[in-house]
Amino acid sequence: MKTIEISQKLRKELEKQLKPDRFDHTLGVAYTSASMAFVYGADVQKALIAGMLHDCAKCMSHEEQIKICEKNKIEISDIERRNHSLLHAKVGMYLAKAKYEIDDPEILGAIRWHTTGKEDMSLLEKIVYIADFIEPNRKELEDMDIIRKEAFTDINRCLSHILHNSVIYLKTIGKECDDTTMNAYNYYKEYYKK
């Protein structure tokens, strides 16, 4: 099956499975990812598919996500056990493979790292991470207008800007920051200083 057929099939399946606001967000991420892929020379269809599937596990309960991880021997950190918003990326990567038959490592990596980021991200991982943050349905966060421009002009600065704001925000509200996010922040922070 061609990737364009896969993305059309996914759209129909996800529309049935996701809540309307989550589906709107999913489309926003998919199309923003595709647009960024055009700009940066990444594979547009892979960006579309990764964007479509990035939140495929988001509507599952935390308990369901933990059961899937335990059943399939997917490692869960203490912070992931405490924080519902983190685990869906790992579970989403699993579902992309097991349920949606995606075996492309670039797509799977983009789904896996779209929430926390990581050190030395691939181009597609950066694109989906950023698209998840800037897509048009997202509520306006601090510096959003600047970050949206950076997304299409300087991908590393944009990534660093988002990581910087995320780490500061989590510290401000007293929420713990995942080690992977902190490592990504430290890895990319030089781009934000420029």
C-alpha atoms as a PDB file:
ATOM      1  CA  MET A   1       0.000   0.000   0.000  1.00  0.00           C
ATOM      2  CA  LYS A   2       1.323   3.460  -0.898  1.00  0.00           C
ATOM      3  CA  THR A   3       1.926   5.938   1.896  1.00  0.00           C
ATOM      4  CA  ILE A   4      -0.763   8.295   0.540  1.00  0.00           C
ATOM      5  CA  GLU A   5      -3.317   5.462   0.761  1.00  0.00           C
ATOM      6  CA  ILE A   6      -2.129   4.700   4.293  1.00  0.00           C
ATOM      7  CA  SER A   7      -2.623   8.315   5.424  1.00  0.00           C
ATOM      8  CA  GLN A   8      -6.141   8.405   3.906  1.00  0.00           C
ATOM      9  CA  LYS A   9      -7.036   5.104   5.604  1.00  0.00           C
ATOM     10  CA  LEU A  10      -5.635   6.330   8.923  1.00  0.00           C
ATOM     11  CA  ARG A  11      -7.668   9.523   8.722  1.00  0.00           C
ATOM     12  CA  LYS A  12     -10.911   7.530   8.390  1.00  0.00           C
ATOM     13  CA  GLU A  13     -10.016   5.139  11.218  1.00  0.00           C
ATOM     14  CA  LEU A  14      -8.845   7.851  13.604  1.00  0.00           C
ATOM     15  CA  GLU A  15     -11.931   9.991  12.984  1.00  0.00           C
ATOM     16  CA  LYS A  16     -14.017   7.096  14.341  1.00  0.00           C
ATOM     17  CA  GLN A  17     -11.759   6.451  17.334  1.00  0.00           C
ATOM     18  CA  LEU A  18     -10.774   9.888  18.604  1.00  0.00           C
ATOM     19  CA  LYS A  19     -12.894  12.520  20.293  1.00  0.00           C
ATOM     20  CA  PRO A  20     -13.702  15.403  17.900  1.00  0.00           C
ATOM     21  CA  ASP A  21     -11.311  17.896  19.533  1.00  0.00           C
ATOM     22  CA  ARG A  22      -8.486  15.297  19.578  1.00  0.00           C
ATOM     23  CA  PHE A  23      -9.171  14.487  15.928  1.00  0.00           C
ATOM     24  CA  ASP A  24      -9.014  18.206  15.038  1.00  0.00           C
ATOM     25  CA  HIS A  25      -5.678  18.424  16.864  1.00  0.00           C
ATOM     26  CA  THR A  26      -4.454  15.283  15.067  1.00  0.00           C
ATOM     27  CA  LEU A  27      -5.278  16.778  11.655  1.00  0.00           C
ATOM     28  CA  GLY A  28      -3.599  20.028  12.693  1.00  0.00           C
ATOM     29  CA  VAL A  29      -0.417  18.166  13.634  1.00  0.00           C
ATOM     30  CA  ALA A  30      -0.506  16.008  10.490  1.00  0.00           C
ATOM     31  CA  TYR A  31      -0.877  18.969   8.130  1.00  0.00           C
ATOM     32  CA  THR A  32       1.570  21.168  10.028  1.00  0.00           C
ATOM     33  CA  SER A  33       4.081  18.291   9.945  1.00  0.00           C
ATOM     34  CA  ALA A  34       3.560  17.910   6.194  1.00  0.00           C
ATOM     35  CA  SER A  35       4.029  21.655   5.655  1.00  0.00           C
ATOM     36  CA  MET A  36       7.252  21.654   7.668  1.00  0.00           C
ATOM     37  CA  ALA A  37       8.441  18.592   5.730  1.00  0.00           C
ATOM     38  CA  PHE A  38       8.008  20.566   2.489  1.00  0.00           C
ATOM     39  CA  VAL A  39      10.155  23.373   3.898  1.00  0.00           C
ATOM     40  CA  TYR A  40      12.941  21.170   5.290  1.00  0.00           C
ATOM     41  CA  GLY A  41      13.044  18.495   2.599  1.00  0.00           C
ATOM     42  CA  ALA A  42      11.720  15.649   4.749  1.00  0.00           C
ATOM     43  CA  ASP A  43       9.402  12.941   3.429  1.00  0.00           C
ATOM     44  CA  VAL A  44       5.971  14.602   3.358  1.00  0.00           C
ATOM     45  CA  GLN A  45       3.971  11.360   3.498  1.00  0.00           C
ATOM     46  CA  LYS A  46       5.965  10.080   6.476  1.00  0.00           C
ATOM     47  CA  ALA A  47       5.382  13.404   8.231  1.00  0.00           C
ATOM     48  CA  LEU A  48       1.660  13.133   7.503  1.00  0.00           C
ATOM     49  CA  ILE A  49       1.443   9.573   8.839  1.00  0.00           C
ATOM     50  CA  ALA A  50       3.504  10.344  11.967  1.00  0.00           C
ATOM     51  CA  GLY A  51       1.322  13.396  12.616  1.00  0.00           C
ATOM     52  CA  MET A  52      -1.843  11.344  12.181  1.00  0.00           C
ATOM     53  CA  LEU A  53      -0.675   8.683  14.627  1.00  0.00           C
ATOM     54  CA  HIS A  54       1.198  10.777  17.195  1.00  0.00           C
ATOM     55  CA  ASP A  55      -1.742  10.801  19.649  1.00  0.00           C
ATOM     56  CA  CYS A  56      -3.383   7.486  18.720  1.00  0.00           C
ATOM     57  CA  ALA A  57      -3.100   6.330  22.364  1.00  0.00           C
ATOM     58  CA  LYS A  58      -3.966   9.676  23.971  1.00  0.00           C
ATOM     59  CA  CYS A  59      -7.650   8.880  24.595  1.00  0.00           C
ATOM     60  CA  MET A  60      -6.846   5.662  26.462  1.00  0.00           C
ATOM     61  CA  SER A  61      -6.954   5.716  30.239  1.00  0.00           C
ATOM     62  CA  HIS A  62      -3.657   5.767  32.090  1.00  0.00           C
ATOM     63  CA  GLU A  63      -4.466   2.299  33.452  1.00  0.00           C
ATOM     64  CA  GLU A  64      -4.988   0.937  29.916  1.00  0.00           C
ATOM     65  CA  GLN A  65      -1.686   2.442  28.801  1.00  0.00           C
ATOM     66  CA  ILE A  66       0.151   0.893  31.750  1.00  0.00           C
ATOM     67  CA  LYS A  67      -1.433  -2.528  31.011  1.00  0.00           C
ATOM     68  CA  ILE A  68      -0.292  -2.361  27.374  1.00  0.00           C
ATOM     69  CA  CYS A  69       3.231  -1.471  28.479  1.00  0.00           C
ATOM     70  CA  GLU A  70       3.383  -4.233  31.076  1.00  0.00           C
ATOM     71  CA  LYS A  71       1.905  -6.848  28.707  1.00  0.00           C
ATOM     72  CA  ASN A  72       4.370  -5.934  25.939  1.00  0.00           C
ATOM     73  CA  LYS A  73       7.413  -5.393  28.177  1.00  0.00           C
ATOM     74  CA  ILE A  74       7.626  -1.676  27.420  1.00  0.00           C
ATOM     75  CA  GLU A  75       9.677   0.029  30.116  1.00  0.00           C
ATOM     76  CA  ILE A  76       7.809   2.576  32.257  1.00  0.00           C
ATOM     77  CA  SER A  77       9.707   5.150  34.300  1.00  0.00           C
ATOM     78  CA  ASP A  78       8.448   6.355  37.683  1.00  0.00           C
ATOM     79  CA  ILE A  79       7.557   9.738  36.233  1.00  0.00           C
ATOM     80  CA  GLU A  80       5.574   8.054  33.428  1.00  0.00           C
ATOM     81  CA  ARG A  81       3.631   6.078  36.029  1.00  0.00           C
ATOM     82  CA  ARG A  82       2.767   9.358  37.765  1.00  0.00           C
ATOM     83  CA  ASN A  83       2.150  11.492  34.689  1.00  0.00           C
ATOM     84  CA  HIS A  84      -0.592  10.439  32.287  1.00  0.00           C
ATOM     85  CA  SER A  85       0.479  12.877  29.583  1.00  0.00           C
ATOM     86  CA  LEU A  86       3.873  11.180  29.041  1.00  0.00           C
ATOM     87  CA  LEU A  87       3.108   7.496  28.532  1.00  0.00           C
ATOM     88  CA  HIS A  88       0.877   7.846  25.460  1.00  0.00           C
ATOM     89  CA  ALA A  89       3.909   8.396  23.203  1.00  0.00           C
ATOM     90  CA  LYS A  90       5.374   4.954  23.963  1.00  0.00           C
ATOM     91  CA  VAL A  91       1.965   3.310  23.737  1.00  0.00           C
ATOM     92  CA  GLY A  92       1.272   5.213  20.511  1.00  0.00           C
ATOM     93  CA  MET A  93       4.471   3.868  18.982  1.00  0.00           C
ATOM     94  CA  TYR A  94       3.417   0.346  19.990  1.00  0.00           C
ATOM     95  CA  LEU A  95      -0.084   0.806  18.506  1.00  0.00           C
ATOM     96  CA  ALA A  96       1.348   2.270  15.299  1.00  0.00           C
ATOM     97  CA  LYS A  97       3.241  -1.006  14.833  1.00  0.00           C
ATOM     98  CA  ALA A  98       0.763  -3.530  16.217  1.00  0.00           C
ATOM     99  CA  LYS A  99      -2.560  -2.021  15.171  1.00  0.00           C
ATOM    100  CA  TYR A 100      -1.789   0.241  12.218  1.00  0.00           C
ATOM    101  CA  GLU A 101       1.032  -1.900  10.750  1.00  0.00           C
ATOM    102  CA  ILE A 102       3.574   0.923  10.519  1.00  0.00           C
ATOM    103  CA  ASP A 103       7.098  -0.436  10.533  1.00  0.00           C
ATOM    104  CA  ASP A 104       9.044   2.598   9.353  1.00  0.00           C
ATOM    105  CA  PRO A 105      11.589   3.460  12.081  1.00  0.00           C
ATOM    106  CA  GLU A 106      11.494   7.200  11.248  1.00  0.00           C
ATOM    107  CA  ILE A 107       7.723   7.370  11.721  1.00  0.00           C
ATOM    108  CA  LEU A 108       7.856   5.267  14.882  1.00  0.00           C
ATOM    109  CA  GLY A 109      10.631   7.452  16.326  1.00  0.00           C
ATOM    110  CA  ALA A 110       8.639  10.615  15.625  1.00  0.00           C
ATOM    111  CA  ILE A 111       5.640   9.175  17.486  1.00  0.00           C
ATOM    112  CA  ARG A 112       7.821   7.938  20.363  1.00  0.00           C
ATOM    113  CA  TRP A 113       9.572  11.275  20.988  1.00  0.00           C
ATOM    114  CA  HIS A 114       6.816  13.798  20.214  1.00  0.00           C
ATOM    115  CA  THR A 115       6.075  14.476  23.884  1.00  0.00           C
ATOM    116  CA  THR A 116       9.432  14.623  25.644  1.00  0.00           C
ATOM    117  CA  GLY A 117      11.840  15.241  22.803  1.00  0.00           C
ATOM    118  CA  LYS A 118      15.310  13.734  23.166  1.00  0.00           C
ATOM    119  CA  GLU A 119      18.958  14.433  22.452  1.00  0.00           C
ATOM    120  CA  ASP A 120      20.026  14.391  18.802  1.00  0.00           C
ATOM    121  CA  MET A 121      16.565  14.125  17.245  1.00  0.00           C
ATOM    122  CA  SER A 122      16.073  13.166  13.603  1.00  0.00           C
ATOM    123  CA  LEU A 123      14.513  15.713  11.258  1.00  0.00           C
ATOM    124  CA  LEU A 124      11.136  13.945  11.328  1.00  0.00           C
ATOM    125  CA  GLU A 125      11.230  13.708  15.136  1.00  0.00           C
ATOM    126  CA  LYS A 126      11.843  17.463  15.335  1.00  0.00           C
ATOM    127  CA  ILE A 127       9.067  18.194  12.868  1.00  0.00           C
ATOM    128  CA  VAL A 128       6.382  16.194  14.710  1.00  0.00           C
ATOM    129  CA  TYR A 129       7.514  17.476  18.126  1.00  0.00           C
ATOM    130  CA  ILE A 130       7.237  21.075  16.907  1.00  0.00           C
ATOM    131  CA  ALA A 131       4.024  20.531  14.923  1.00  0.00           C
ATOM    132  CA  ASP A 132       2.367  19.127  18.050  1.00  0.00           C
ATOM    133  CA  PHE A 133       3.181  22.384  19.809  1.00  0.00           C
ATOM    134  CA  ILE A 134       2.341  24.919  17.075  1.00  0.00           C
ATOM    135  CA  GLU A 135      -0.576  23.443  15.118  1.00  0.00           C
ATOM    136  CA  PRO A 136      -3.380  25.978  14.502  1.00  0.00           C
ATOM    137  CA  ASN A 137      -5.840  24.464  17.030  1.00  0.00           C
ATOM    138  CA  ARG A 138      -3.392  24.857  19.934  1.00  0.00           C
ATOM    139  CA  LYS A 139      -4.177  27.485  22.514  1.00  0.00           C
ATOM    140  CA  GLU A 140      -1.824  30.434  22.390  1.00  0.00           C
ATOM    141  CA  LEU A 141       1.125  29.895  24.690  1.00  0.00           C
ATOM    142  CA  GLU A 142       3.953  32.272  25.518  1.00  0.00           C
ATOM    143  CA  ASP A 143       5.973  33.326  22.433  1.00  0.00           C
ATOM    144  CA  MET A 144       3.676  31.289  20.145  1.00  0.00           C
ATOM    145  CA  ASP A 145       3.831  33.836  17.314  1.00  0.00           C
ATOM    146  CA  ILE A 146       7.655  33.818  17.405  1.00  0.00           C
ATOM    147  CA  ILE A 147       7.851  30.023  17.748  1.00  0.00           C
ATOM    148  CA  ARG A 148       5.514  29.516  14.769  1.00  0.00           C
ATOM    149  CA  LYS A 149       7.762  31.683  12.596  1.00  0.00           C
ATOM    150  CA  GLU A 150      10.885  29.892  13.828  1.00  0.00           C
ATOM    151  CA  ALA A 151       9.278  26.542  12.938  1.00  0.00           C
ATOM    152  CA  PHE A 152       9.541  27.432   9.259  1.00  0.00           C
ATOM    153  CA  THR A 153      12.828  29.356   9.341  1.00  0.00           C
ATOM    154  CA  ASP A 154      15.160  27.765  11.940  1.00  0.00           C
ATOM    155  CA  ILE A 155      14.083  24.330  13.152  1.00  0.00           C
ATOM    156  CA  ASN A 156      16.795  23.931  15.814  1.00  0.00           C
ATOM    157  CA  ARG A 157      16.135  27.362  17.316  1.00  0.00           C
ATOM    158  CA  CYS A 158      12.410  26.583  17.342  1.00  0.00           C
ATOM    159  CA  LEU A 159      12.969  23.221  19.030  1.00  0.00           C
ATOM    160  CA  SER A 160      15.246  24.820  21.600  1.00  0.00           C
ATOM    161  CA  HIS A 161      12.737  27.635  22.215  1.00  0.00           C
ATOM    162  CA  ILE A 162       9.921  25.151  22.898  1.00  0.00           C
ATOM    163  CA  LEU A 163      12.107  23.030  25.193  1.00  0.00           C
ATOM    164  CA  HIS A 164      13.257  26.155  27.054  1.00  0.00           C
ATOM    165  CA  ASN A 165       9.694  27.396  27.592  1.00  0.00           C
ATOM    166  CA  SER A 166       8.502  23.912  28.612  1.00  0.00           C
ATOM    167  CA  VAL A 167      11.231  23.442  31.227  1.00  0.00           C
ATOM    168  CA  ILE A 168      10.659  26.942  32.657  1.00  0.00           C
ATOM    169  CA  TYR A 169       6.876  26.393  32.714  1.00  0.00           C
ATOM    170  CA  LEU A 170       7.175  23.053  34.542  1.00  0.00           C
ATOM    171  CA  LYS A 171       9.510  24.616  37.125  1.00  0.00           C
ATOM    172  CA  THR A 172       7.145  27.576  37.581  1.00  0.00           C
ATOM    173  CA  ILE A 173       4.113  25.383  38.304  1.00  0.00           C
ATOM    174  CA  GLY A 174       6.132  22.951  40.441  1.00  0.00           C
ATOM    175  CA  LYS A 175       5.686  19.947  38.142  1.00  0.00           C
ATOM    176  CA  GLU A 176       8.498  17.459  37.646  1.00  0.00           C
ATOM    177  CA  CYS A 177      10.311  17.438  34.332  1.00  0.00           C
ATOM    178  CA  ASP A 178      11.044  14.137  32.613  1.00  0.00           C
ATOM    179  CA  ASP A 179      14.786  13.394  32.435  1.00  0.00           C
ATOM    180  CA  THR A 180      14.561  12.893  28.685  1.00  0.00           C
ATOM    181  CA  THR A 181      13.114  16.395  28.240  1.00  0.00           C
ATOM    182  CA  MET A 182      15.809  17.865  30.462  1.00  0.00           C
ATOM    183  CA  ASN A 183      18.497  16.077  28.446  1.00  0.00           C
ATOM    184  CA  ALA A 184      16.960  17.371  25.206  1.00  0.00           C
ATOM    185  CA  TYR A 185      16.835  20.884  26.651  1.00  0.00           C
ATOM    186  CA  ASN A 186      20.530  20.720  27.611  1.00  0.00           C
ATOM    187  CA  TYR A 187      21.458  19.261  24.214  1.00  0.00           C
ATOM    188  CA  TYR A 188      19.676  21.972  22.186  1.00  0.00           C
ATOM    189  CA  LYS A 189      19.921  25.031  24.482  1.00  0.00           C
ATOM    190  CA  GLU A 190      22.872  26.510  22.550  1.00  0.00           C
ATOM    191  CA  TYR A 191      20.526  27.181  19.602  1.00  0.00           C
ATOM    192  CA  TYR A 192      18.201  29.287  21.737  1.00  0.00           C
ATOM    193  CA  LYS A 193      21.028  31.588  22.870  1.00  0.00           C
ATOM    194  CA  LYS A 194      21.935  32.572  19.298  1.00  0.00           C
END
